[in-house]
Amino acid sequence: MEREISLPAPRLKGNISVEQAISERRSKRKFTPQQLTPAQISQLLWSAQGVTEKQRGFRAAPSAGALYPMEIYLLNKDGLFHYLPREHKLEQLLQKDLRRDLAAASFGQGFIAQAPVAIVIAAVYERITSRYGSRGERYTDIEIGHIAQNVHLQAVALGLGSVPVGAFNDRAVKALLQLPEKEEPLYIIPVGYAR
């Protein structure tokens, strides 16, 4: 059922400073039902893994050896999507709203289902450990921190709320998203208009 959806080009100038975004960033767990626009979704995904230097393919978050072991997924009312950074597109994998199931797999954290968007970050450790050995696992931990902070600050810049989620059943989330064998879910970020 794979279908590709082009995303609007990301904006490179925002309405607030980085300093203001850092100052205002708070974990938000209550969301209104208002859906995000394609431009907002585009901006959030670009901040996570978007290409910022086309010639060499560098992305918004640094990666050891530019190996980019992360995969980004988005869940909303329309289904499950995989972000394609090089093309800045979404690939629709399922046409079913999985947010309630994701909340259940996250030990009943209902705000995940309430948020109009949930971003899931998964790692393919082999991409980085093939070069750096077991040290690559540490580099993956560092990289996911960069990615998540970018998303949280971008959410603030867009007038949205977000919350980091690390408490979930890894196997259940992996099965729900039908992740490939070598991908491991590491982080969930619900995003939306905060109440």
N, C-alpha and C. Protein backbone atom coordinates (compact mmCIF):
# COMPACT_ATOMS: atom_id res chain seq x y z
N MET A 1 0.82 -1.19 0.00
CA MET A 1 0.00 0.00 0.00
C MET A 1 0.87 1.25 0.00
N GLU A 2 2.15 1.07 -0.23
CA GLU A 2 3.07 2.20 -0.16
C GLU A 2 2.71 3.28 -1.17
N ARG A 3 2.59 4.50 -0.67
CA ARG A 3 2.25 5.66 -1.48
C ARG A 3 3.10 6.81 -0.97
N GLU A 4 3.71 7.55 -1.88
CA GLU A 4 4.58 8.65 -1.48
C GLU A 4 3.83 9.97 -1.53
N ILE A 5 4.09 10.80 -0.52
CA ILE A 5 3.45 12.11 -0.41
C ILE A 5 4.55 13.15 -0.29
N SER A 6 4.58 14.08 -1.24
CA SER A 6 5.57 15.16 -1.18
C SER A 6 5.22 16.12 -0.05
N LEU A 7 6.24 16.60 0.63
CA LEU A 7 6.05 17.56 1.72
C LEU A 7 6.43 18.95 1.26
N PRO A 8 5.79 19.98 1.82
CA PRO A 8 6.20 21.36 1.49
C PRO A 8 7.66 21.58 1.88
N ALA A 9 8.31 22.48 1.16
CA ALA A 9 9.70 22.81 1.49
C ALA A 9 9.77 23.40 2.89
N PRO A 10 10.80 23.05 3.65
CA PRO A 10 10.92 23.60 5.01
C PRO A 10 11.26 25.09 4.99
N ARG A 11 10.78 25.79 5.99
CA ARG A 11 11.15 27.20 6.18
C ARG A 11 12.50 27.25 6.86
N LEU A 12 13.32 28.19 6.48
CA LEU A 12 14.63 28.33 7.10
C LEU A 12 14.71 29.53 8.03
N LYS A 13 13.62 30.28 8.15
CA LYS A 13 13.55 31.40 9.09
C LYS A 13 12.24 31.28 9.86
N GLY A 14 12.35 31.34 11.19
CA GLY A 14 11.17 31.22 12.03
C GLY A 14 10.80 32.53 12.68
N ASN A 15 9.79 32.48 13.51
CA ASN A 15 9.29 33.68 14.18
C ASN A 15 9.89 33.89 15.56
N ILE A 16 10.58 32.88 16.10
CA ILE A 16 11.20 33.04 17.42
C ILE A 16 12.66 32.60 17.35
N SER A 17 13.44 33.08 18.28
CA SER A 17 14.87 32.74 18.32
C SER A 17 15.07 31.36 18.93
N VAL A 18 16.24 30.80 18.69
CA VAL A 18 16.61 29.53 19.32
C VAL A 18 16.55 29.68 20.84
N GLU A 19 17.04 30.80 21.32
CA GLU A 19 17.05 31.04 22.77
C GLU A 19 15.64 31.03 23.35
N GLN A 20 14.71 31.65 22.64
CA GLN A 20 13.33 31.67 23.12
C GLN A 20 12.73 30.26 23.10
N ALA A 21 13.02 29.51 22.04
CA ALA A 21 12.51 28.13 21.96
C ALA A 21 13.05 27.29 23.11
N ILE A 22 14.33 27.45 23.42
CA ILE A 22 14.92 26.71 24.55
C ILE A 22 14.23 27.11 25.85
N SER A 23 14.02 28.39 26.03
CA SER A 23 13.40 28.91 27.25
C SER A 23 11.97 28.41 27.43
N GLU A 24 11.23 28.27 26.33
CA GLU A 24 9.81 27.91 26.39
C GLU A 24 9.55 26.41 26.31
N ARG A 25 10.56 25.60 26.02
CA ARG A 25 10.33 24.17 25.86
C ARG A 25 9.93 23.52 27.18
N ARG A 26 8.77 22.89 27.17
CA ARG A 26 8.25 22.15 28.31
C ARG A 26 7.56 20.89 27.79
N SER A 27 7.53 19.87 28.59
CA SER A 27 6.80 18.65 28.22
C SER A 27 5.30 18.92 28.34
N LYS A 28 4.58 18.69 27.26
CA LYS A 28 3.13 18.91 27.22
C LYS A 28 2.45 17.56 26.99
N ARG A 29 1.48 17.26 27.84
CA ARG A 29 0.79 15.97 27.75
C ARG A 29 -0.71 16.10 27.49
N LYS A 30 -1.19 17.32 27.30
CA LYS A 30 -2.60 17.53 26.99
C LYS A 30 -2.67 18.27 25.67
N PHE A 31 -3.42 17.68 24.73
CA PHE A 31 -3.48 18.23 23.38
C PHE A 31 -4.92 18.47 22.95
N THR A 32 -5.11 19.49 22.12
CA THR A 32 -6.42 19.72 21.50
C THR A 32 -6.54 18.75 20.32
N PRO A 33 -7.74 18.57 19.78
CA PRO A 33 -7.89 17.67 18.63
C PRO A 33 -7.47 18.30 17.29
N GLN A 34 -7.08 19.57 17.31
CA GLN A 34 -6.72 20.25 16.06
C GLN A 34 -5.57 19.52 15.36
N GLN A 35 -5.77 19.23 14.07
CA GLN A 35 -4.76 18.52 13.28
C GLN A 35 -3.63 19.46 12.86
N LEU A 36 -2.48 18.89 12.61
CA LEU A 36 -1.35 19.68 12.12
C LEU A 36 -1.45 19.83 10.60
N THR A 37 -0.91 20.92 10.10
CA THR A 37 -0.91 21.17 8.66
C THR A 37 0.24 20.41 8.01
N PRO A 38 0.17 20.19 6.70
CA PRO A 38 1.31 19.58 6.01
C PRO A 38 2.61 20.37 6.22
N ALA A 39 2.51 21.70 6.27
CA ALA A 39 3.70 22.53 6.48
C ALA A 39 4.30 22.28 7.86
N GLN A 40 3.47 22.13 8.88
CA GLN A 40 3.98 21.84 10.23
C GLN A 40 4.63 20.46 10.30
N ILE A 41 3.98 19.48 9.70
CA ILE A 41 4.55 18.13 9.67
C ILE A 41 5.88 18.14 8.93
N SER A 42 5.92 18.84 7.81
CA SER A 42 7.15 18.96 7.03
C SER A 42 8.27 19.53 7.88
N GLN A 43 7.97 20.59 8.60
CA GLN A 43 8.98 21.27 9.41
C GLN A 43 9.50 20.37 10.53
N LEU A 44 8.61 19.66 11.18
CA LEU A 44 9.01 18.75 12.27
C LEU A 44 9.92 17.64 11.76
N LEU A 45 9.54 17.04 10.64
CA LEU A 45 10.35 15.94 10.09
C LEU A 45 11.68 16.44 9.56
N TRP A 46 11.67 17.60 8.92
CA TRP A 46 12.92 18.19 8.43
C TRP A 46 13.86 18.47 9.60
N SER A 47 13.31 18.97 10.71
CA SER A 47 14.17 19.26 11.86
C SER A 47 14.79 17.99 12.44
N ALA A 48 14.11 16.86 12.25
CA ALA A 48 14.62 15.59 12.76
C ALA A 48 15.74 15.03 11.89
N GLN A 49 15.49 14.94 10.60
CA GLN A 49 16.44 14.25 9.71
C GLN A 49 16.53 14.87 8.33
N GLY A 50 15.98 16.06 8.16
CA GLY A 50 15.98 16.68 6.84
C GLY A 50 17.38 16.97 6.32
N VAL A 51 17.52 16.91 5.02
CA VAL A 51 18.80 17.20 4.38
C VAL A 51 19.03 18.71 4.41
N THR A 52 20.17 19.10 4.95
CA THR A 52 20.52 20.52 5.07
C THR A 52 21.67 20.91 4.16
N GLU A 53 22.31 19.94 3.56
CA GLU A 53 23.41 20.18 2.63
C GLU A 53 23.35 19.11 1.56
N LYS A 54 22.79 19.48 0.41
CA LYS A 54 22.44 18.47 -0.60
C LYS A 54 23.64 17.76 -1.20
N GLN A 55 24.71 18.47 -1.46
CA GLN A 55 25.85 17.87 -2.15
C GLN A 55 26.39 16.64 -1.41
N ARG A 56 26.55 16.76 -0.10
CA ARG A 56 27.08 15.64 0.68
C ARG A 56 26.00 14.91 1.48
N GLY A 57 24.78 15.40 1.41
CA GLY A 57 23.66 14.73 2.07
C GLY A 57 23.60 14.90 3.57
N PHE A 58 24.28 15.93 4.09
CA PHE A 58 24.25 16.16 5.53
C PHE A 58 22.84 16.52 5.98
N ARG A 59 22.52 16.13 7.21
CA ARG A 59 21.17 16.30 7.72
C ARG A 59 21.13 17.26 8.90
N ALA A 60 19.92 17.55 9.36
CA ALA A 60 19.69 18.54 10.42
C ALA A 60 20.35 18.15 11.75
N ALA A 61 20.48 16.87 12.01
CA ALA A 61 21.14 16.40 13.24
C ALA A 61 22.44 15.71 12.87
N PRO A 62 23.52 15.98 13.62
CA PRO A 62 24.79 15.34 13.31
C PRO A 62 24.75 13.83 13.54
N SER A 63 25.55 13.11 12.75
CA SER A 63 25.62 11.66 12.84
C SER A 63 27.08 11.23 12.69
N ALA A 64 27.56 10.37 13.56
CA ALA A 64 28.94 9.89 13.48
C ALA A 64 29.20 9.30 12.10
N GLY A 65 30.22 9.83 11.43
CA GLY A 65 30.58 9.33 10.11
C GLY A 65 29.52 9.58 9.05
N ALA A 66 28.55 10.43 9.34
CA ALA A 66 27.42 10.68 8.43
C ALA A 66 26.76 9.37 7.99
N LEU A 67 26.62 8.44 8.94
CA LEU A 67 26.05 7.13 8.63
C LEU A 67 24.53 7.07 8.83
N TYR A 68 23.98 7.97 9.58
CA TYR A 68 22.53 8.13 9.77
C TYR A 68 21.81 6.81 10.04
N PRO A 69 21.98 6.27 11.26
CA PRO A 69 21.34 5.00 11.58
C PRO A 69 19.86 5.11 11.96
N MET A 70 19.30 6.32 11.96
CA MET A 70 17.92 6.50 12.42
C MET A 70 16.91 6.45 11.27
N GLU A 71 15.74 5.94 11.60
CA GLU A 71 14.58 5.97 10.72
C GLU A 71 13.47 6.67 11.48
N ILE A 72 12.73 7.52 10.77
CA ILE A 72 11.68 8.32 11.40
C ILE A 72 10.31 7.88 10.86
N TYR A 73 9.39 7.65 11.78
CA TYR A 73 8.02 7.26 11.44
C TYR A 73 7.05 8.28 12.02
N LEU A 74 5.95 8.47 11.34
CA LEU A 74 4.92 9.39 11.79
C LEU A 74 3.58 8.67 11.79
N LEU A 75 2.86 8.81 12.89
CA LEU A 75 1.52 8.25 13.00
C LEU A 75 0.53 9.39 13.19
N ASN A 76 -0.56 9.36 12.43
CA ASN A 76 -1.64 10.32 12.62
C ASN A 76 -2.96 9.65 12.26
N LYS A 77 -4.02 10.42 12.15
CA LYS A 77 -5.34 9.84 11.89
C LYS A 77 -5.40 9.12 10.54
N ASP A 78 -4.50 9.47 9.63
CA ASP A 78 -4.50 8.87 8.29
C ASP A 78 -3.67 7.60 8.19
N GLY A 79 -2.90 7.28 9.24
CA GLY A 79 -2.15 6.03 9.20
C GLY A 79 -0.72 6.15 9.67
N LEU A 80 0.10 5.25 9.14
CA LEU A 80 1.52 5.14 9.49
C LEU A 80 2.35 5.52 8.28
N PHE A 81 3.32 6.40 8.51
CA PHE A 81 4.17 6.92 7.44
C PHE A 81 5.64 6.77 7.82
N HIS A 82 6.48 6.61 6.80
CA HIS A 82 7.94 6.56 6.96
C HIS A 82 8.50 7.79 6.26
N TYR A 83 9.37 8.51 6.95
CA TYR A 83 9.97 9.72 6.38
C TYR A 83 11.16 9.36 5.51
N LEU A 84 11.17 9.92 4.30
CA LEU A 84 12.27 9.73 3.34
C LEU A 84 13.05 11.04 3.28
N PRO A 85 14.14 11.17 4.03
CA PRO A 85 14.84 12.46 4.14
C PRO A 85 15.39 12.99 2.82
N ARG A 86 15.99 12.13 2.02
CA ARG A 86 16.62 12.61 0.77
C ARG A 86 15.61 13.26 -0.17
N GLU A 87 14.40 12.70 -0.20
CA GLU A 87 13.36 13.22 -1.08
C GLU A 87 12.44 14.20 -0.37
N HIS A 88 12.55 14.29 0.94
CA HIS A 88 11.64 15.06 1.80
C HIS A 88 10.18 14.70 1.46
N LYS A 89 9.92 13.40 1.59
CA LYS A 89 8.60 12.85 1.32
C LYS A 89 8.21 11.91 2.44
N LEU A 90 6.91 11.64 2.50
CA LEU A 90 6.39 10.60 3.38
C LEU A 90 5.98 9.41 2.52
N GLU A 91 6.28 8.24 3.02
CA GLU A 91 5.86 7.00 2.37
C GLU A 91 4.79 6.39 3.28
N GLN A 92 3.56 6.29 2.78
CA GLN A 92 2.50 5.73 3.61
C GLN A 92 2.62 4.21 3.63
N LEU A 93 2.73 3.67 4.84
CA LEU A 93 2.89 2.23 5.01
C LEU A 93 1.57 1.54 5.35
N LEU A 94 0.74 2.21 6.16
CA LEU A 94 -0.56 1.67 6.55
C LEU A 94 -1.59 2.79 6.55
N GLN A 95 -2.81 2.45 6.19
CA GLN A 95 -3.89 3.43 6.18
C GLN A 95 -4.84 3.13 7.34
N LYS A 96 -4.29 3.14 8.54
CA LYS A 96 -5.06 2.85 9.75
C LYS A 96 -4.47 3.68 10.88
N ASP A 97 -5.35 4.29 11.67
CA ASP A 97 -4.89 5.09 12.81
C ASP A 97 -4.43 4.16 13.92
N LEU A 98 -3.13 4.17 14.20
CA LEU A 98 -2.53 3.28 15.19
C LEU A 98 -2.20 3.97 16.51
N ARG A 99 -2.61 5.22 16.67
CA ARG A 99 -2.18 5.97 17.86
C ARG A 99 -2.69 5.35 19.16
N ARG A 100 -3.91 4.84 19.18
CA ARG A 100 -4.42 4.20 20.40
C ARG A 100 -3.61 2.95 20.73
N ASP A 101 -3.29 2.19 19.68
CA ASP A 101 -2.48 0.99 19.88
C ASP A 101 -1.07 1.35 20.35
N LEU A 102 -0.53 2.45 19.82
CA LEU A 102 0.79 2.91 20.25
C LEU A 102 0.75 3.32 21.72
N ALA A 103 -0.33 4.00 22.12
CA ALA A 103 -0.49 4.38 23.53
C ALA A 103 -0.57 3.14 24.42
N ALA A 104 -1.30 2.13 23.96
CA ALA A 104 -1.41 0.88 24.73
C ALA A 104 -0.05 0.20 24.86
N ALA A 105 0.73 0.21 23.78
CA ALA A 105 2.08 -0.39 23.80
C ALA A 105 3.05 0.45 24.62
N SER A 106 2.62 1.65 24.98
CA SER A 106 3.44 2.56 25.80
C SER A 106 2.88 2.62 27.22
N PHE A 107 2.44 1.47 27.69
CA PHE A 107 1.97 1.32 29.07
C PHE A 107 0.80 2.26 29.39
N GLY A 108 -0.08 2.44 28.38
CA GLY A 108 -1.31 3.19 28.60
C GLY A 108 -1.17 4.69 28.71
N GLN A 109 -0.13 5.25 28.15
CA GLN A 109 0.05 6.71 28.18
C GLN A 109 -0.90 7.33 27.15
N GLY A 110 -2.10 7.65 27.60
CA GLY A 110 -3.19 8.08 26.73
C GLY A 110 -2.92 9.33 25.91
N PHE A 111 -2.04 10.19 26.38
CA PHE A 111 -1.75 11.42 25.63
C PHE A 111 -1.13 11.12 24.27
N ILE A 112 -0.55 9.93 24.09
CA ILE A 112 0.00 9.55 22.79
C ILE A 112 -1.14 9.43 21.77
N ALA A 113 -2.26 8.86 22.19
CA ALA A 113 -3.42 8.73 21.31
C ALA A 113 -4.11 10.07 21.10
N GLN A 114 -4.02 10.94 22.09
CA GLN A 114 -4.68 12.25 22.03
C GLN A 114 -3.96 13.20 21.07
N ALA A 115 -2.65 13.11 21.00
CA ALA A 115 -1.87 14.01 20.13
C ALA A 115 -2.20 13.74 18.67
N PRO A 116 -2.33 14.79 17.85
CA PRO A 116 -2.63 14.56 16.44
C PRO A 116 -1.51 13.85 15.68
N VAL A 117 -0.29 13.93 16.20
CA VAL A 117 0.87 13.30 15.56
C VAL A 117 1.73 12.62 16.62
N ALA A 118 2.22 11.45 16.30
CA ALA A 118 3.25 10.80 17.12
C ALA A 118 4.41 10.47 16.19
N ILE A 119 5.59 10.93 16.55
CA ILE A 119 6.80 10.63 15.80
C ILE A 119 7.54 9.53 16.54
N VAL A 120 7.91 8.49 15.82
CA VAL A 120 8.67 7.39 16.41
C VAL A 120 10.03 7.35 15.73
N ILE A 121 11.08 7.33 16.54
CA ILE A 121 12.44 7.26 16.03
C ILE A 121 12.97 5.86 16.30
N ALA A 122 13.45 5.20 15.25
CA ALA A 122 14.00 3.85 15.37
C ALA A 122 15.45 3.86 14.88
N ALA A 123 16.24 2.93 15.39
CA ALA A 123 17.65 2.84 15.01
C ALA A 123 17.94 1.54 14.28
N VAL A 124 18.81 1.65 13.29
CA VAL A 124 19.39 0.48 12.62
C VAL A 124 20.86 0.47 13.07
N TYR A 125 21.13 -0.20 14.18
CA TYR A 125 22.46 -0.16 14.79
C TYR A 125 23.56 -0.63 13.83
N GLU A 126 23.23 -1.59 13.00
CA GLU A 126 24.23 -2.16 12.08
C GLU A 126 24.87 -1.10 11.18
N ARG A 127 24.11 -0.06 10.84
CA ARG A 127 24.67 0.99 9.98
C ARG A 127 25.87 1.67 10.61
N ILE A 128 25.87 1.75 11.92
CA ILE A 128 26.94 2.49 12.60
C ILE A 128 27.94 1.55 13.29
N THR A 129 27.47 0.41 13.80
CA THR A 129 28.40 -0.52 14.45
C THR A 129 29.29 -1.22 13.43
N SER A 130 28.86 -1.27 12.18
CA SER A 130 29.71 -1.89 11.15
C SER A 130 31.02 -1.10 10.98
N ARG A 131 31.00 0.19 11.28
CA ARG A 131 32.21 1.00 11.20
C ARG A 131 32.86 1.20 12.57
N TYR A 132 32.05 1.42 13.60
CA TYR A 132 32.59 1.82 14.90
C TYR A 132 32.52 0.74 15.98
N GLY A 133 32.07 -0.45 15.62
CA GLY A 133 31.95 -1.51 16.62
C GLY A 133 30.95 -1.13 17.69
N SER A 134 31.15 -1.64 18.90
CA SER A 134 30.18 -1.40 19.97
C SER A 134 30.08 0.09 20.34
N ARG A 135 31.12 0.86 20.03
CA ARG A 135 31.08 2.30 20.30
C ARG A 135 29.95 2.96 19.50
N GLY A 136 29.59 2.37 18.39
CA GLY A 136 28.51 2.90 17.57
C GLY A 136 27.19 3.00 18.31
N GLU A 137 26.99 2.13 19.31
CA GLU A 137 25.76 2.21 20.10
C GLU A 137 25.71 3.52 20.88
N ARG A 138 26.86 3.93 21.41
CA ARG A 138 26.91 5.22 22.12
C ARG A 138 26.63 6.36 21.14
N TYR A 139 27.22 6.28 19.96
CA TYR A 139 27.00 7.33 18.97
C TYR A 139 25.52 7.42 18.59
N THR A 140 24.85 6.28 18.56
CA THR A 140 23.41 6.26 18.27
C THR A 140 22.64 6.97 19.38
N ASP A 141 23.01 6.71 20.62
CA ASP A 141 22.36 7.39 21.76
C ASP A 141 22.54 8.90 21.65
N ILE A 142 23.74 9.32 21.30
CA ILE A 142 24.02 10.75 21.16
C ILE A 142 23.17 11.34 20.04
N GLU A 143 23.13 10.63 18.91
CA GLU A 143 22.39 11.14 17.75
C GLU A 143 20.90 11.27 18.03
N ILE A 144 20.33 10.31 18.72
CA ILE A 144 18.89 10.40 18.98
C ILE A 144 18.57 11.58 19.88
N GLY A 145 19.51 11.93 20.76
CA GLY A 145 19.33 13.13 21.58
C GLY A 145 19.30 14.39 20.74
N HIS A 146 20.21 14.46 19.75
CA HIS A 146 20.22 15.62 18.84
C HIS A 146 18.89 15.72 18.09
N ILE A 147 18.45 14.59 17.55
CA ILE A 147 17.22 14.56 16.76
C ILE A 147 16.02 14.99 17.61
N ALA A 148 15.90 14.39 18.78
CA ALA A 148 14.75 14.68 19.63
C ALA A 148 14.73 16.15 20.05
N GLN A 149 15.88 16.68 20.43
CA GLN A 149 15.92 18.09 20.84
C GLN A 149 15.53 18.99 19.67
N ASN A 150 15.99 18.67 18.47
CA ASN A 150 15.59 19.45 17.29
C ASN A 150 14.07 19.46 17.16
N VAL A 151 13.45 18.29 17.29
CA VAL A 151 11.99 18.18 17.14
C VAL A 151 11.28 18.97 18.23
N HIS A 152 11.73 18.83 19.47
CA HIS A 152 11.08 19.56 20.57
C HIS A 152 11.20 21.07 20.39
N LEU A 153 12.37 21.55 19.99
CA LEU A 153 12.54 22.99 19.78
C LEU A 153 11.76 23.47 18.56
N GLN A 154 11.71 22.66 17.52
CA GLN A 154 10.92 23.02 16.34
C GLN A 154 9.45 23.10 16.70
N ALA A 155 8.97 22.18 17.53
CA ALA A 155 7.57 22.23 17.97
C ALA A 155 7.28 23.55 18.66
N VAL A 156 8.16 23.98 19.55
CA VAL A 156 7.97 25.27 20.23
C VAL A 156 7.92 26.40 19.21
N ALA A 157 8.83 26.38 18.24
CA ALA A 157 8.88 27.43 17.23
C ALA A 157 7.61 27.47 16.39
N LEU A 158 6.91 26.35 16.29
CA LEU A 158 5.66 26.27 15.52
C LEU A 158 4.43 26.53 16.40
N GLY A 159 4.65 26.83 17.67
CA GLY A 159 3.52 27.05 18.58
C GLY A 159 2.86 25.77 19.03
N LEU A 160 3.61 24.67 19.00
CA LEU A 160 3.08 23.36 19.36
C LEU A 160 3.71 22.85 20.64
N GLY A 161 3.08 21.84 21.21
CA GLY A 161 3.64 21.18 22.38
C GLY A 161 4.11 19.79 22.01
N SER A 162 5.03 19.26 22.80
CA SER A 162 5.55 17.91 22.58
C SER A 162 6.00 17.34 23.91
N VAL A 163 6.22 16.03 23.92
CA VAL A 163 6.70 15.37 25.14
C VAL A 163 7.56 14.18 24.75
N PRO A 164 8.71 14.00 25.42
CA PRO A 164 9.54 12.82 25.15
C PRO A 164 8.95 11.58 25.83
N VAL A 165 8.93 10.48 25.11
CA VAL A 165 8.43 9.22 25.67
C VAL A 165 9.48 8.13 25.42
N GLY A 166 9.95 7.55 26.50
CA GLY A 166 10.88 6.43 26.40
C GLY A 166 10.32 5.17 27.03
N ALA A 167 9.18 5.29 27.71
CA ALA A 167 8.56 4.15 28.39
C ALA A 167 7.57 3.47 27.45
N PHE A 168 8.00 2.37 26.87
CA PHE A 168 7.12 1.58 26.00
C PHE A 168 7.69 0.17 25.91
N ASN A 169 6.84 -0.75 25.47
CA ASN A 169 7.26 -2.13 25.25
C ASN A 169 7.89 -2.20 23.87
N ASP A 170 9.20 -2.40 23.83
CA ASP A 170 9.92 -2.38 22.56
C ASP A 170 9.34 -3.35 21.53
N ARG A 171 9.10 -4.58 21.97
CA ARG A 171 8.58 -5.60 21.04
C ARG A 171 7.21 -5.23 20.51
N ALA A 172 6.36 -4.71 21.39
CA ALA A 172 5.00 -4.35 20.97
C ALA A 172 5.02 -3.21 19.97
N VAL A 173 5.85 -2.20 20.21
CA VAL A 173 5.94 -1.07 19.27
C VAL A 173 6.53 -1.53 17.95
N LYS A 174 7.55 -2.34 18.01
CA LYS A 174 8.18 -2.87 16.79
C LYS A 174 7.16 -3.66 15.96
N ALA A 175 6.38 -4.50 16.62
CA ALA A 175 5.37 -5.30 15.92
C ALA A 175 4.26 -4.40 15.36
N LEU A 176 3.81 -3.43 16.14
CA LEU A 176 2.75 -2.54 15.70
C LEU A 176 3.13 -1.78 14.44
N LEU A 177 4.36 -1.27 14.41
CA LEU A 177 4.83 -0.49 13.27
C LEU A 177 5.36 -1.37 12.14
N GLN A 178 5.40 -2.68 12.38
CA GLN A 178 5.92 -3.64 11.42
C GLN A 178 7.33 -3.25 10.97
N LEU A 179 8.17 -2.93 11.96
CA LEU A 179 9.53 -2.51 11.65
C LEU A 179 10.34 -3.69 11.14
N PRO A 180 11.27 -3.42 10.22
CA PRO A 180 12.17 -4.48 9.76
C PRO A 180 12.94 -5.08 10.93
N GLU A 181 13.42 -6.29 10.76
CA GLU A 181 14.09 -7.03 11.84
C GLU A 181 15.21 -6.24 12.49
N LYS A 182 15.98 -5.50 11.71
CA LYS A 182 17.17 -4.82 12.26
C LYS A 182 16.89 -3.42 12.78
N GLU A 183 15.63 -2.99 12.81
CA GLU A 183 15.28 -1.68 13.36
C GLU A 183 14.71 -1.82 14.76
N GLU A 184 15.16 -0.94 15.65
CA GLU A 184 14.69 -0.95 17.03
C GLU A 184 14.08 0.40 17.40
N PRO A 185 12.85 0.43 17.89
CA PRO A 185 12.24 1.70 18.30
C PRO A 185 12.91 2.20 19.58
N LEU A 186 13.23 3.50 19.60
CA LEU A 186 13.94 4.07 20.74
C LEU A 186 13.21 5.23 21.41
N TYR A 187 12.37 5.94 20.68
CA TYR A 187 11.88 7.21 21.20
C TYR A 187 10.55 7.53 20.53
N ILE A 188 9.61 8.04 21.30
CA ILE A 188 8.32 8.49 20.76
C ILE A 188 8.14 9.95 21.16
N ILE A 189 7.68 10.76 20.20
CA ILE A 189 7.42 12.17 20.48
C ILE A 189 6.00 12.52 20.01
N PRO A 190 5.03 12.55 20.92
CA PRO A 190 3.71 13.07 20.56
C PRO A 190 3.80 14.59 20.39
N VAL A 191 3.13 15.11 19.36
CA VAL A 191 3.18 16.55 19.06
C VAL A 191 1.78 17.04 18.72
N GLY A 192 1.45 18.24 19.20
CA GLY A 192 0.18 18.84 18.85
C GLY A 192 0.01 20.19 19.51
N TYR A 193 -1.18 20.75 19.35
CA TYR A 193 -1.51 22.01 20.03
C TYR A 193 -1.80 21.70 21.49
N ALA A 194 -1.04 22.30 22.37
CA ALA A 194 -1.19 22.02 23.80
C ALA A 194 -2.39 22.75 24.37
N ARG A 195 -3.06 22.11 25.33
CA ARG A 195 -4.17 22.75 26.05
C ARG A 195 -3.62 23.61 27.15
